[in-house]
Amino acid sequence: MRRRPARSARSAPHSRWVATLTAAVLAAGGLVASAQAANAADTDLARNGTFEAGLSGWSCTAGSGAAVTTPVHGGSGALKATPAGSDNAKCSQTVTVKPDSAYTLSAWVRGSYVYLGASGTGTTDVSTWTQSAPDWQKLTTSFRTGPATTSVTVYTNGWYGTGAYYADDLTLVGPGGAPVQTPAVPTGLRAGAVTSSSVALSWSPVQGATGYAVYRNGTKAADATGTSATVSGLNAATAYSFQVAATNTAGASALSPAVTAT
């Protein structure tokens, strides 16, 4: 009877090596898939970072910002902001983010002493800058949000007494936060102190609101970041109707019930 050939002494180690290699390949594939899934969840969260829709989505201090068509880094629009006096021409927007998540902020800038940054991160606020950029230069910084952070403010600014600066193609890349809901209608609107030309108004805070718009006789008369405002420019012995709407990045609520002041 023929005996079965003895198993090679190298067979078992070889099999273990193949099994180990296969497991490593599968694990690597899983890591790649996880990385791809994570990257797929990241998106550019900045609104109108190309400034091709004018200053929509942006707020610039002291009216310092303007959308221009030249010079631009890409597309057909860019931001031009001019510091004056004690104003550093800060242009900003508030973006909804996820808690405990990583973000990268970038922008192309041109000018002297141009800053790019993020505040309200819940961890360490960040900024980066260039002393001189006679041509377009890319600025980039990164941060991680805090465990309870749901929004951050991204901004550009110049320096006091310097010339105009330009910014274009600003991006904030990272995971998007929960969709922002339009705030509820404000309640508790009441008139306070009245003079011959002004009236003080106050109302109850609205959860999720980042600002308020005050209306006089159906026309917007003032903006407020808190729950009070004084409307001026009134005529004596004249009755006025006032309403208020709550605002955030999703839009504005309906107008509140009106109050009348004379």
Protein backbone atom coordinates (compact mmCIF):
# COMPACT_ATOMS: atom_id res chain seq x y z
CA MET A 1 0.00 0.00 0.00
CA ARG A 2 1.27 3.39 -0.92
CA ARG A 3 1.58 5.85 1.85
CA ARG A 4 0.18 9.35 1.46
CA PRO A 5 3.04 11.77 0.97
CA ALA A 6 4.01 13.51 4.16
CA ARG A 7 2.82 17.13 4.36
CA SER A 8 5.56 19.59 3.66
CA ALA A 9 6.87 21.29 6.73
CA ARG A 10 6.50 24.58 4.90
CA SER A 11 2.81 24.09 4.11
CA ALA A 12 1.42 25.19 7.47
CA PRO A 13 3.50 28.40 7.74
CA HIS A 14 2.68 29.19 4.12
CA SER A 15 -1.04 28.78 4.81
CA ARG A 16 -0.81 31.01 7.85
CA TRP A 17 1.05 33.64 5.80
CA VAL A 18 -1.63 33.57 3.10
CA ALA A 19 -4.37 33.85 5.72
CA THR A 20 -2.58 36.76 7.40
CA LEU A 21 -2.08 38.55 4.07
CA THR A 22 -5.72 38.04 3.15
CA ALA A 23 -6.87 39.43 6.48
CA ALA A 24 -4.58 42.43 6.07
CA VAL A 25 -5.94 43.14 2.59
CA LEU A 26 -9.51 42.89 3.82
CA ALA A 27 -8.74 45.15 6.77
CA ALA A 28 -7.10 47.69 4.48
CA GLY A 29 -10.13 47.57 2.25
CA GLY A 30 -12.32 48.25 5.25
CA LEU A 31 -10.18 51.23 6.23
CA VAL A 32 -10.35 52.62 2.70
CA ALA A 33 -14.11 52.16 2.64
CA SER A 34 -14.43 53.88 6.02
CA ALA A 35 -12.24 56.76 4.85
CA GLN A 36 -14.25 57.09 1.66
CA ALA A 37 -17.48 57.13 3.67
CA ALA A 38 -16.07 59.79 6.00
CA ASN A 39 -14.88 61.90 3.08
CA ALA A 40 -18.23 61.51 1.38
CA ALA A 41 -19.88 62.99 4.48
CA ASP A 42 -17.67 66.09 4.32
CA THR A 43 -18.93 69.00 2.26
CA ASP A 44 -18.34 72.70 1.73
CA LEU A 45 -20.61 74.42 4.24
CA ALA A 46 -19.81 78.04 3.38
CA ARG A 47 -22.62 79.90 1.66
CA ASN A 48 -21.67 81.98 -1.36
CA GLY A 49 -17.96 81.62 -0.69
CA THR A 50 -17.37 82.60 -4.32
CA PHE A 51 -19.22 85.93 -3.87
CA GLU A 52 -20.88 85.42 -7.23
CA ALA A 53 -24.21 86.13 -5.52
CA GLY A 54 -22.96 89.45 -4.21
CA LEU A 55 -22.74 89.62 -0.43
CA SER A 56 -25.62 87.17 0.10
CA GLY A 57 -24.93 85.19 3.26
CA TRP A 58 -22.28 87.65 4.46
CA SER A 59 -22.28 90.56 6.89
CA CYS A 60 -19.52 93.19 6.73
CA THR A 61 -18.88 95.72 9.49
CA ALA A 62 -19.60 99.39 8.83
CA GLY A 63 -20.62 98.69 5.24
CA SER A 64 -16.99 97.90 4.44
CA GLY A 65 -17.60 95.05 1.98
CA ALA A 66 -18.62 94.94 -1.66
CA ALA A 67 -18.79 92.26 -4.33
CA VAL A 68 -16.57 92.99 -7.33
CA THR A 69 -15.97 91.38 -10.71
CA THR A 70 -12.25 92.18 -10.85
CA PRO A 71 -9.83 91.06 -9.61
CA VAL A 72 -11.17 87.55 -8.98
CA HIS A 73 -9.45 84.28 -8.20
CA GLY A 74 -12.06 82.15 -9.93
CA GLY A 75 -15.47 82.61 -11.45
CA SER A 76 -16.94 86.06 -11.82
CA GLY A 77 -17.02 87.48 -8.29
CA ALA A 78 -14.86 88.28 -5.27
CA LEU A 79 -15.08 90.21 -2.01
CA LYS A 80 -13.47 93.61 -1.68
CA ALA A 81 -13.42 95.01 1.86
CA THR A 82 -11.88 98.30 2.91
CA PRO A 83 -10.79 99.10 6.49
CA ALA A 84 -11.47 102.67 7.62
CA GLY A 85 -10.70 104.40 10.90
CA SER A 86 -11.34 102.00 13.77
CA ASP A 87 -13.04 99.43 11.52
CA ASN A 88 -11.01 96.47 10.23
CA ALA A 89 -13.50 95.49 7.48
CA LYS A 90 -14.57 92.20 9.01
CA CYS A 91 -16.89 90.11 6.83
CA SER A 92 -18.46 87.04 8.42
CA GLN A 93 -21.15 84.40 8.28
CA THR A 94 -22.45 81.84 10.77
CA VAL A 95 -22.40 78.21 9.66
CA THR A 96 -24.18 75.19 11.15
CA VAL A 97 -21.73 72.44 12.18
CA LYS A 98 -21.65 69.16 14.08
CA PRO A 99 -20.30 68.88 17.62
CA ASP A 100 -16.89 67.27 18.15
CA SER A 101 -15.99 67.30 14.45
CA ALA A 102 -13.01 68.42 12.37
CA TYR A 103 -13.18 71.27 9.84
CA THR A 104 -10.83 72.93 7.39
CA LEU A 105 -11.27 76.60 6.49
CA SER A 106 -9.60 77.99 3.36
CA ALA A 107 -9.76 81.12 1.22
CA TRP A 108 -7.78 82.85 -1.48
CA VAL A 109 -6.85 86.40 -0.48
CA ARG A 110 -5.06 89.39 -1.90
CA GLY A 111 -3.77 92.51 -0.13
CA SER A 112 -1.83 93.45 2.99
CA TYR A 113 -2.51 92.11 6.48
CA VAL A 114 -5.41 89.88 5.48
CA TYR A 115 -6.86 87.54 8.10
CA LEU A 116 -8.97 84.37 7.88
CA GLY A 117 -10.46 82.77 10.97
CA ALA A 118 -13.23 80.97 12.82
CA SER A 119 -14.78 81.86 16.19
CA GLY A 120 -17.27 80.17 18.47
CA THR A 121 -15.69 76.76 17.84
CA GLY A 122 -16.21 75.58 21.40
CA THR A 123 -12.52 74.66 21.60
CA THR A 124 -9.72 76.96 20.42
CA ASP A 125 -10.71 79.68 17.98
CA VAL A 126 -8.30 79.88 15.06
CA SER A 127 -7.00 82.42 12.58
CA THR A 128 -4.28 82.72 9.99
CA TRP A 129 -3.01 85.72 8.05
CA THR A 130 -0.63 87.05 5.45
CA GLN A 131 1.39 90.22 5.77
CA SER A 132 1.58 90.82 2.05
CA ALA A 133 -0.13 89.12 -0.88
CA PRO A 134 0.29 91.22 -4.04
CA ASP A 135 -1.24 88.32 -5.96
CA TRP A 136 -3.73 85.66 -4.87
CA GLN A 137 -2.50 83.59 -1.92
CA LYS A 138 -4.26 80.68 -0.23
CA LEU A 139 -4.80 80.78 3.52
CA THR A 140 -5.82 77.61 5.36
CA THR A 141 -6.52 76.75 8.98
CA SER A 142 -8.32 73.93 10.77
CA PHE A 143 -10.16 73.35 14.01
CA ARG A 144 -12.30 70.89 15.91
CA THR A 145 -15.67 71.82 17.35
CA GLY A 146 -16.56 71.38 21.00
CA PRO A 147 -18.94 68.70 22.30
CA ALA A 148 -21.89 71.12 22.33
CA THR A 149 -21.02 73.35 19.37
CA THR A 150 -23.64 73.53 16.62
CA SER A 151 -22.53 76.70 14.81
CA VAL A 152 -19.34 78.66 14.17
CA THR A 153 -18.63 82.05 12.63
CA VAL A 154 -16.11 82.21 9.80
CA TYR A 155 -14.64 85.56 8.83
CA THR A 156 -12.10 87.58 6.92
CA ASN A 157 -10.74 90.95 7.97
CA GLY A 158 -8.03 93.43 7.19
CA TRP A 159 -6.06 95.71 9.46
CA TYR A 160 -6.77 99.22 10.66
CA GLY A 161 -5.50 101.93 8.35
CA THR A 162 -4.43 99.59 5.55
CA GLY A 163 -5.84 99.47 2.05
CA ALA A 164 -8.59 97.27 0.69
CA TYR A 165 -8.20 93.50 0.66
CA TYR A 166 -9.82 90.86 -1.55
CA ALA A 167 -11.09 87.35 -0.76
CA ASP A 168 -12.49 84.64 -3.01
CA ASP A 169 -13.32 80.93 -3.11
CA LEU A 170 -13.75 80.61 0.65
CA THR A 171 -14.63 77.09 1.81
CA LEU A 172 -15.39 75.41 5.12
CA VAL A 173 -15.09 71.67 4.62
CA GLY A 174 -16.40 69.17 7.15
CA PRO A 175 -19.55 67.30 8.18
CA GLY A 176 -22.78 69.27 7.97
CA GLY A 177 -24.85 69.86 11.06
CA ALA A 178 -28.53 69.20 11.55
CA PRO A 179 -30.73 71.27 9.23
CA VAL A 180 -31.60 74.63 10.75
CA GLN A 181 -35.32 75.25 11.19
CA THR A 182 -36.98 78.61 10.67
CA PRO A 183 -37.58 80.11 14.13
CA ALA A 184 -40.99 80.44 15.70
CA VAL A 185 -42.99 83.66 15.73
CA PRO A 186 -41.90 85.98 18.57
CA THR A 187 -44.34 86.56 21.41
CA GLY A 188 -44.70 89.17 24.10
CA LEU A 189 -44.05 92.21 21.92
CA ARG A 190 -44.73 95.39 23.88
CA ALA A 191 -43.99 99.09 23.64
CA GLY A 192 -41.99 100.78 26.38
CA ALA A 193 -40.68 104.32 26.64
CA VAL A 194 -42.09 106.67 24.01
CA THR A 195 -40.68 110.05 23.00
CA SER A 196 -41.82 112.50 20.35
CA SER A 197 -39.65 110.71 17.78
CA SER A 198 -38.96 107.18 19.04
CA VAL A 199 -40.39 104.15 20.80
CA ALA A 200 -38.66 101.36 22.71
CA LEU A 201 -39.84 97.82 21.95
CA SER A 202 -39.14 94.50 23.65
CA TRP A 203 -40.24 90.88 23.20
CA SER A 204 -39.60 87.36 24.46
CA PRO A 205 -36.60 85.39 23.14
CA VAL A 206 -37.13 82.73 20.48
CA GLN A 207 -35.15 79.49 20.62
CA GLY A 208 -32.90 79.07 17.58
CA ALA A 209 -33.10 82.72 16.53
CA THR A 210 -29.85 84.55 15.80
CA GLY A 211 -31.49 87.93 15.21
CA TYR A 212 -34.74 89.83 14.90
CA ALA A 213 -36.27 92.21 12.37
CA VAL A 214 -38.56 95.00 13.56
CA TYR A 215 -41.31 96.29 11.28
CA ARG A 216 -43.14 99.61 11.42
CA ASN A 217 -46.47 99.76 9.58
CA GLY A 218 -45.46 96.65 7.63
CA THR A 219 -42.04 97.97 6.54
CA LYS A 220 -38.76 96.80 8.03
CA ALA A 221 -37.42 99.52 10.31
CA ALA A 222 -34.59 97.95 12.33
CA ASP A 223 -32.52 94.83 13.01
CA ALA A 224 -31.66 93.56 16.48
CA THR A 225 -29.47 90.81 17.87
CA GLY A 226 -31.23 90.82 21.24
CA THR A 227 -34.82 91.07 22.41
CA SER A 228 -35.20 94.84 22.34
CA ALA A 229 -34.88 97.70 19.90
CA THR A 230 -35.60 101.41 19.68
CA VAL A 231 -37.27 102.65 16.52
CA SER A 232 -36.63 106.32 15.79
CA GLY A 233 -37.63 108.79 13.11
CA LEU A 234 -41.26 108.90 14.21
CA ASN A 235 -43.66 111.82 14.06
CA ALA A 236 -45.27 113.15 17.22
CA ALA A 237 -48.95 112.43 17.89
CA THR A 238 -48.99 109.73 15.20
CA ALA A 239 -50.06 106.13 15.77
CA TYR A 240 -47.69 103.43 14.51
CA SER A 241 -48.08 99.67 14.30
CA PHE A 242 -45.06 97.52 15.18
CA GLN A 243 -44.29 93.83 14.60
CA VAL A 244 -41.20 91.67 14.93
CA ALA A 245 -39.88 88.56 13.16
CA ALA A 246 -37.23 86.11 14.37
CA THR A 247 -34.40 85.23 11.96
CA ASN A 248 -31.62 82.69 11.52
CA THR A 249 -29.73 81.09 8.64
CA ALA A 250 -32.86 79.22 7.54
CA GLY A 251 -34.86 82.43 7.08
CA ALA A 252 -37.40 84.50 8.98
CA SER A 253 -40.51 83.64 10.94
CA ALA A 254 -43.90 85.13 10.25
CA LEU A 255 -44.53 88.53 11.82
CA SER A 256 -45.72 88.70 15.41
CA PRO A 257 -49.07 90.15 16.41
CA ALA A 258 -48.89 93.94 16.17
CA VAL A 259 -48.72 96.48 18.96
CA THR A 260 -49.60 100.14 18.51
CA ALA A 261 -47.73 103.10 19.96
CA THR A 262 -48.42 106.81 19.58
